[in-house]
């Protein structure tokens, strides 16, 4: 019997480490700006957003 390899779903990436997907909604212009900034820094958009969230949480904690 021939076994079929499971192909990755188009547009899906495997999680990095313990990260999980988190769905949110934003203004399309902000999304576009985040993606462009990530490209300019040769980073993934999720990495930019994770950094921004960490910084926001740190500022919030200091209040």
PDB file of N, CA and C in Angstrom:
ATOM      1  N   UNK A   1       0.838  -1.179   0.000  1.00  0.00           N
ATOM      2  CA  UNK A   1       0.000   0.000   0.000  1.00  0.00           C
ATOM      3  C   UNK A   1       0.887   1.248   0.000  1.00  0.00           C
ATOM      4  N   UNK A   2       0.555   2.207  -0.824  1.00  0.00           N
ATOM      5  CA  UNK A   2       1.314   3.446  -0.930  1.00  0.00           C
ATOM      6  C   UNK A   2       0.743   4.461   0.046  1.00  0.00           C
ATOM      7  N   UNK A   3       1.628   5.020   0.864  1.00  0.00           N
ATOM      8  CA  UNK A   3       1.195   6.029   1.830  1.00  0.00           C
ATOM      9  C   UNK A   3       1.355   7.411   1.229  1.00  0.00           C
ATOM     10  N   UNK A   4       0.352   8.223   1.409  1.00  0.00           N
ATOM     11  CA  UNK A   4       0.419   9.593   0.934  1.00  0.00           C
ATOM     12  C   UNK A   4       1.045  10.466   2.016  1.00  0.00           C
ATOM     13  N   UNK A   5       1.926  11.355   1.577  1.00  0.00           N
ATOM     14  CA  UNK A   5       2.501  12.313   2.505  1.00  0.00           C
ATOM     15  C   UNK A   5       1.473  13.404   2.762  1.00  0.00           C
ATOM     16  N   UNK A   6       1.388  13.807   4.007  1.00  0.00           N
ATOM     17  CA  UNK A   6       0.494  14.915   4.318  1.00  0.00           C
ATOM     18  C   UNK A   6       1.149  16.203   3.849  1.00  0.00           C
ATOM     19  N   UNK A   7       0.461  16.933   3.018  1.00  0.00           N
ATOM     20  CA  UNK A   7       1.020  18.199   2.547  1.00  0.00           C
ATOM     21  C   UNK A   7       0.542  19.317   3.465  1.00  0.00           C
ATOM     22  N   UNK A   8       1.388  20.287   3.633  1.00  0.00           N
ATOM     23  CA  UNK A   8       1.036  21.436   4.465  1.00  0.00           C
ATOM     24  C   UNK A   8      -0.098  22.201   3.797  1.00  0.00           C
ATOM     25  N   UNK A   9      -0.993  22.720   4.603  1.00  0.00           N
ATOM     26  CA  UNK A   9      -2.075  23.518   4.046  1.00  0.00           C
ATOM     27  C   UNK A   9      -1.497  24.823   3.537  1.00  0.00           C
ATOM     28  N   UNK A  10      -1.985  25.244   2.435  1.00  0.00           N
ATOM     29  CA  UNK A  10      -1.483  26.465   1.820  1.00  0.00           C
ATOM     30  C   UNK A  10      -1.677  27.654   2.756  1.00  0.00           C
ATOM     31  N   UNK A  11      -0.617  28.444   2.910  1.00  0.00           N
ATOM     32  CA  UNK A  11      -0.702  29.621   3.746  1.00  0.00           C
ATOM     33  C   UNK A  11      -0.504  29.354   5.228  1.00  0.00           C
ATOM     34  N   UNK A  12      -0.362  28.104   5.619  1.00  0.00           N
ATOM     35  CA  UNK A  12      -0.175  27.764   7.021  1.00  0.00           C
ATOM     36  C   UNK A  12       1.279  27.484   7.301  1.00  0.00           C
ATOM     37  N   UNK A  13       1.739  27.941   8.429  1.00  0.00           N
ATOM     38  CA  UNK A  13       3.102  27.671   8.850  1.00  0.00           C
ATOM     39  C   UNK A  13       3.060  26.954  10.185  1.00  0.00           C
ATOM     40  N   UNK A  14       4.076  26.162  10.446  1.00  0.00           N
ATOM     41  CA  UNK A  14       4.113  25.488  11.730  1.00  0.00           C
ATOM     42  C   UNK A  14       4.484  26.497  12.810  1.00  0.00           C
ATOM     43  N   UNK A  15       3.967  26.305  14.024  1.00  0.00           N
ATOM     44  CA  UNK A  15       4.262  27.241  15.100  1.00  0.00           C
ATOM     45  C   UNK A  15       5.733  27.204  15.491  1.00  0.00           C
ATOM     46  N   UNK A  16       6.231  28.326  15.949  1.00  0.00           N
ATOM     47  CA  UNK A  16       7.617  28.418  16.394  1.00  0.00           C
ATOM     48  C   UNK A  16       7.640  28.318  17.910  1.00  0.00           C
ATOM     49  N   UNK A  17       8.248  27.275  18.432  1.00  0.00           N
ATOM     50  CA  UNK A  17       8.308  27.098  19.882  1.00  0.00           C
ATOM     51  C   UNK A  17       6.928  26.893  20.457  1.00  0.00           C
ATOM     52  N   UNK A  18       6.659  27.590  21.551  1.00  0.00           N
ATOM     53  CA  UNK A  18       5.365  27.445  22.232  1.00  0.00           C
ATOM     54  C   UNK A  18       4.338  28.464  21.754  1.00  0.00           C
ATOM     55  N   UNK A  19       4.601  29.129  20.671  1.00  0.00           N
ATOM     56  CA  UNK A  19       3.688  30.156  20.191  1.00  0.00           C
ATOM     57  C   UNK A  19       2.393  29.534  19.679  1.00  0.00           C
ATOM     58  N   UNK A  20       1.325  30.310  19.843  1.00  0.00           N
ATOM     59  CA  UNK A  20       0.021  29.895  19.338  1.00  0.00           C
ATOM     60  C   UNK A  20      -0.584  31.044  18.551  1.00  0.00           C
ATOM     61  N   UNK A  21      -1.482  30.704  17.682  1.00  0.00           N
ATOM     62  CA  UNK A  21      -2.127  31.711  16.855  1.00  0.00           C
ATOM     63  C   UNK A  21      -3.107  32.525  17.688  1.00  0.00           C
ATOM     64  N   UNK A  22      -3.178  33.836  17.405  1.00  0.00           N
ATOM     65  CA  UNK A  22      -4.069  34.755  18.106  1.00  0.00           C
ATOM     66  C   UNK A  22      -4.704  35.666  17.064  1.00  0.00           C
ATOM     67  N   UNK A  23      -6.005  35.591  16.940  1.00  0.00           N
ATOM     68  CA  UNK A  23      -6.709  36.377  15.940  1.00  0.00           C
ATOM     69  C   UNK A  23      -7.166  37.699  16.539  1.00  0.00           C
ATOM     70  N   UNK A  24      -6.912  38.776  15.837  1.00  0.00           N
ATOM     71  CA  UNK A  24      -7.357  40.098  16.275  1.00  0.00           C
ATOM     72  C   UNK A  24      -7.761  40.917  15.053  1.00  0.00           C
ATOM     73  N   UNK A  25      -8.372  42.049  15.291  1.00  0.00           N
ATOM     74  CA  UNK A  25      -8.779  42.908  14.187  1.00  0.00           C
ATOM     75  C   UNK A  25      -8.098  44.259  14.333  1.00  0.00           C
ATOM     76  N   UNK A  26      -7.637  44.815  13.215  1.00  0.00           N
ATOM     77  CA  UNK A  26      -6.981  46.121  13.203  1.00  0.00           C
ATOM     78  C   UNK A  26      -7.375  46.880  11.950  1.00  0.00           C
ATOM     79  N   UNK A  27      -7.123  48.160  11.998  1.00  0.00           N
ATOM     80  CA  UNK A  27      -7.332  49.018  10.848  1.00  0.00           C
ATOM     81  C   UNK A  27      -6.420  48.533   9.710  1.00  0.00           C
ATOM     82  N   UNK A  28      -6.940  48.423   8.506  1.00  0.00           N
ATOM     83  CA  UNK A  28      -6.129  47.935   7.382  1.00  0.00           C
ATOM     84  C   UNK A  28      -4.853  48.737   7.135  1.00  0.00           C
ATOM     85  N   UNK A  29      -4.898  50.041   7.375  1.00  0.00           N
ATOM     86  CA  UNK A  29      -3.696  50.865   7.184  1.00  0.00           C
ATOM     87  C   UNK A  29      -2.607  50.491   8.189  1.00  0.00           C
ATOM     88  N   UNK A  30      -3.001  50.181   9.425  1.00  0.00           N
ATOM     89  CA  UNK A  30      -2.025  49.767  10.437  1.00  0.00           C
ATOM     90  C   UNK A  30      -1.428  48.423  10.067  1.00  0.00           C
ATOM     91  N   UNK A  31      -2.266  47.508   9.622  1.00  0.00           N
ATOM     92  CA  UNK A  31      -1.783  46.191   9.198  1.00  0.00           C
ATOM     93  C   UNK A  31      -0.766  46.345   8.072  1.00  0.00           C
ATOM     94  N   UNK A  32      -1.102  47.162   7.094  1.00  0.00           N
ATOM     95  CA  UNK A  32      -0.213  47.396   5.960  1.00  0.00           C
ATOM     96  C   UNK A  32       1.120  47.987   6.429  1.00  0.00           C
ATOM     97  N   UNK A  33       1.054  48.957   7.342  1.00  0.00           N
ATOM     98  CA  UNK A  33       2.269  49.602   7.855  1.00  0.00           C
ATOM     99  C   UNK A  33       3.137  48.609   8.633  1.00  0.00           C
ATOM    100  N   UNK A  34       2.508  47.752   9.409  1.00  0.00           N
ATOM    101  CA  UNK A  34       3.248  46.723  10.158  1.00  0.00           C
ATOM    102  C   UNK A  34       3.948  45.778   9.196  1.00  0.00           C
ATOM    103  N   UNK A  35       3.235  45.331   8.182  1.00  0.00           N
ATOM    104  CA  UNK A  35       3.829  44.416   7.202  1.00  0.00           C
ATOM    105  C   UNK A  35       4.994  45.060   6.462  1.00  0.00           C
ATOM    106  N   UNK A  36       4.841  46.323   6.087  1.00  0.00           N
ATOM    107  CA  UNK A  36       5.913  47.025   5.380  1.00  0.00           C
ATOM    108  C   UNK A  36       7.130  47.222   6.286  1.00  0.00           C
ATOM    109  N   UNK A  37       6.898  47.558   7.552  1.00  0.00           N
ATOM    110  CA  UNK A  37       8.000  47.722   8.507  1.00  0.00           C
ATOM    111  C   UNK A  37       8.716  46.393   8.718  1.00  0.00           C
ATOM    112  N   UNK A  38       7.963  45.317   8.802  1.00  0.00           N
ATOM    113  CA  UNK A  38       8.562  43.995   8.981  1.00  0.00           C
ATOM    114  C   UNK A  38       9.424  43.630   7.775  1.00  0.00           C
ATOM    115  N   UNK A  39       8.932  43.904   6.589  1.00  0.00           N
ATOM    116  CA  UNK A  39       9.700  43.630   5.372  1.00  0.00           C
ATOM    117  C   UNK A  39      10.982  44.454   5.361  1.00  0.00           C
ATOM    118  N   UNK A  40      10.883  45.729   5.735  1.00  0.00           N
ATOM    119  CA  UNK A  40      12.048  46.615   5.746  1.00  0.00           C
ATOM    120  C   UNK A  40      13.120  46.121   6.713  1.00  0.00           C
ATOM    121  N   UNK A  41      12.691  45.471   7.802  1.00  0.00           N
ATOM    122  CA  UNK A  41      13.637  44.951   8.791  1.00  0.00           C
ATOM    123  C   UNK A  41      13.949  43.478   8.585  1.00  0.00           C
ATOM    124  N   UNK A  42      13.436  42.907   7.505  1.00  0.00           N
ATOM    125  CA  UNK A  42      13.637  41.486   7.197  1.00  0.00           C
ATOM    126  C   UNK A  42      13.188  40.605   8.360  1.00  0.00           C
ATOM    127  N   UNK A  43      11.982  40.889   8.849  1.00  0.00           N
ATOM    128  CA  UNK A  43      11.387  40.152   9.958  1.00  0.00           C
ATOM    129  C   UNK A  43       9.989  39.722   9.578  1.00  0.00           C
ATOM    130  N   UNK A  44       9.439  38.825  10.373  1.00  0.00           N
ATOM    131  CA  UNK A  44       8.049  38.421  10.195  1.00  0.00           C
ATOM    132  C   UNK A  44       7.147  39.418  10.910  1.00  0.00           C
ATOM    133  N   UNK A  45       5.966  39.645  10.374  1.00  0.00           N
ATOM    134  CA  UNK A  45       5.026  40.586  10.983  1.00  0.00           C
ATOM    135  C   UNK A  45       4.656  40.140  12.397  1.00  0.00           C
ATOM    136  N   UNK A  46       4.529  38.831  12.621  1.00  0.00           N
ATOM    137  CA  UNK A  46       4.185  38.363  13.965  1.00  0.00           C
ATOM    138  C   UNK A  46       5.271  38.733  14.969  1.00  0.00           C
ATOM    139  N   UNK A  47       6.517  38.756  14.523  1.00  0.00           N
ATOM    140  CA  UNK A  47       7.630  39.111  15.402  1.00  0.00           C
ATOM    141  C   UNK A  47       7.554  40.582  15.804  1.00  0.00           C
ATOM    142  N   UNK A  48       7.212  41.432  14.848  1.00  0.00           N
ATOM    143  CA  UNK A  48       7.055  42.861  15.127  1.00  0.00           C
ATOM    144  C   UNK A  48       5.919  43.060  16.126  1.00  0.00           C
ATOM    145  N   UNK A  49       4.797  42.385  15.909  1.00  0.00           N
ATOM    146  CA  UNK A  49       3.649  42.525  16.797  1.00  0.00           C
ATOM    147  C   UNK A  49       3.931  41.959  18.180  1.00  0.00           C
ATOM    148  N   UNK A  50       4.662  40.863  18.250  1.00  0.00           N
ATOM    149  CA  UNK A  50       5.008  40.286  19.551  1.00  0.00           C
ATOM    150  C   UNK A  50       5.878  41.262  20.348  1.00  0.00           C
ATOM    151  N   UNK A  51       6.847  41.873  19.667  1.00  0.00           N
ATOM    152  CA  UNK A  51       7.710  42.862  20.324  1.00  0.00           C
ATOM    153  C   UNK A  51       6.885  44.047  20.826  1.00  0.00           C
ATOM    154  N   UNK A  52       5.967  44.540  20.005  1.00  0.00           N
ATOM    155  CA  UNK A  52       5.124  45.671  20.391  1.00  0.00           C
ATOM    156  C   UNK A  52       4.250  45.307  21.596  1.00  0.00           C
ATOM    157  N   UNK A  53       3.703  44.109  21.598  1.00  0.00           N
ATOM    158  CA  UNK A  53       2.859  43.674  22.717  1.00  0.00           C
ATOM    159  C   UNK A  53       3.673  43.557  24.002  1.00  0.00           C
ATOM    160  N   UNK A  54       4.873  43.006  23.910  1.00  0.00           N
ATOM    161  CA  UNK A  54       5.738  42.895  25.106  1.00  0.00           C
ATOM    162  C   UNK A  54       6.057  44.277  25.670  1.00  0.00           C
ATOM    163  N   UNK A  55       6.400  45.213  24.800  1.00  0.00           N
ATOM    164  CA  UNK A  55       6.724  46.567  25.241  1.00  0.00           C
ATOM    165  C   UNK A  55       5.509  47.234  25.883  1.00  0.00           C
ATOM    166  N   UNK A  56       4.339  47.056  25.306  1.00  0.00           N
ATOM    167  CA  UNK A  56       3.116  47.627  25.853  1.00  0.00           C
ATOM    168  C   UNK A  56       2.821  47.038  27.228  1.00  0.00           C
ATOM    169  N   UNK A  57       2.963  45.728  27.359  1.00  0.00           N
ATOM    170  CA  UNK A  57       2.721  45.086  28.651  1.00  0.00           C
ATOM    171  C   UNK A  57       3.706  45.564  29.716  1.00  0.00           C
ATOM    172  N   UNK A  58       4.960  45.777  29.340  1.00  0.00           N
ATOM    173  CA  UNK A  58       5.959  46.298  30.292  1.00  0.00           C
ATOM    174  C   UNK A  58       5.584  47.712  30.748  1.00  0.00           C
ATOM    175  N   UNK A  59       5.203  48.575  29.804  1.00  0.00           N
ATOM    176  CA  UNK A  59       4.783  49.942  30.169  1.00  0.00           C
ATOM    177  C   UNK A  59       3.579  49.915  31.081  1.00  0.00           C
ATOM    178  N   UNK A  60       2.633  49.036  30.796  1.00  0.00           N
ATOM    179  CA  UNK A  60       1.415  48.917  31.598  1.00  0.00           C
ATOM    180  C   UNK A  60       1.732  48.459  33.007  1.00  0.00           C
ATOM    181  N   UNK A  61       2.692  47.539  33.135  1.00  0.00           N
ATOM    182  CA  UNK A  61       3.064  47.007  34.434  1.00  0.00           C
ATOM    183  C   UNK A  61       3.693  48.095  35.320  1.00  0.00           C
ATOM    184  N   UNK A  62       4.385  49.049  34.710  1.00  0.00           N
ATOM    185  CA  UNK A  62       5.085  50.102  35.463  1.00  0.00           C
ATOM    186  C   UNK A  62       4.154  51.186  35.988  1.00  0.00           C
ATOM    187  N   UNK A  63       2.915  51.232  35.530  1.00  0.00           N
ATOM    188  CA  UNK A  63       1.967  52.266  35.980  1.00  0.00           C
ATOM    189  C   UNK A  63       1.633  52.135  37.432  1.00  0.00           C
TER     190      UNK A  63
END
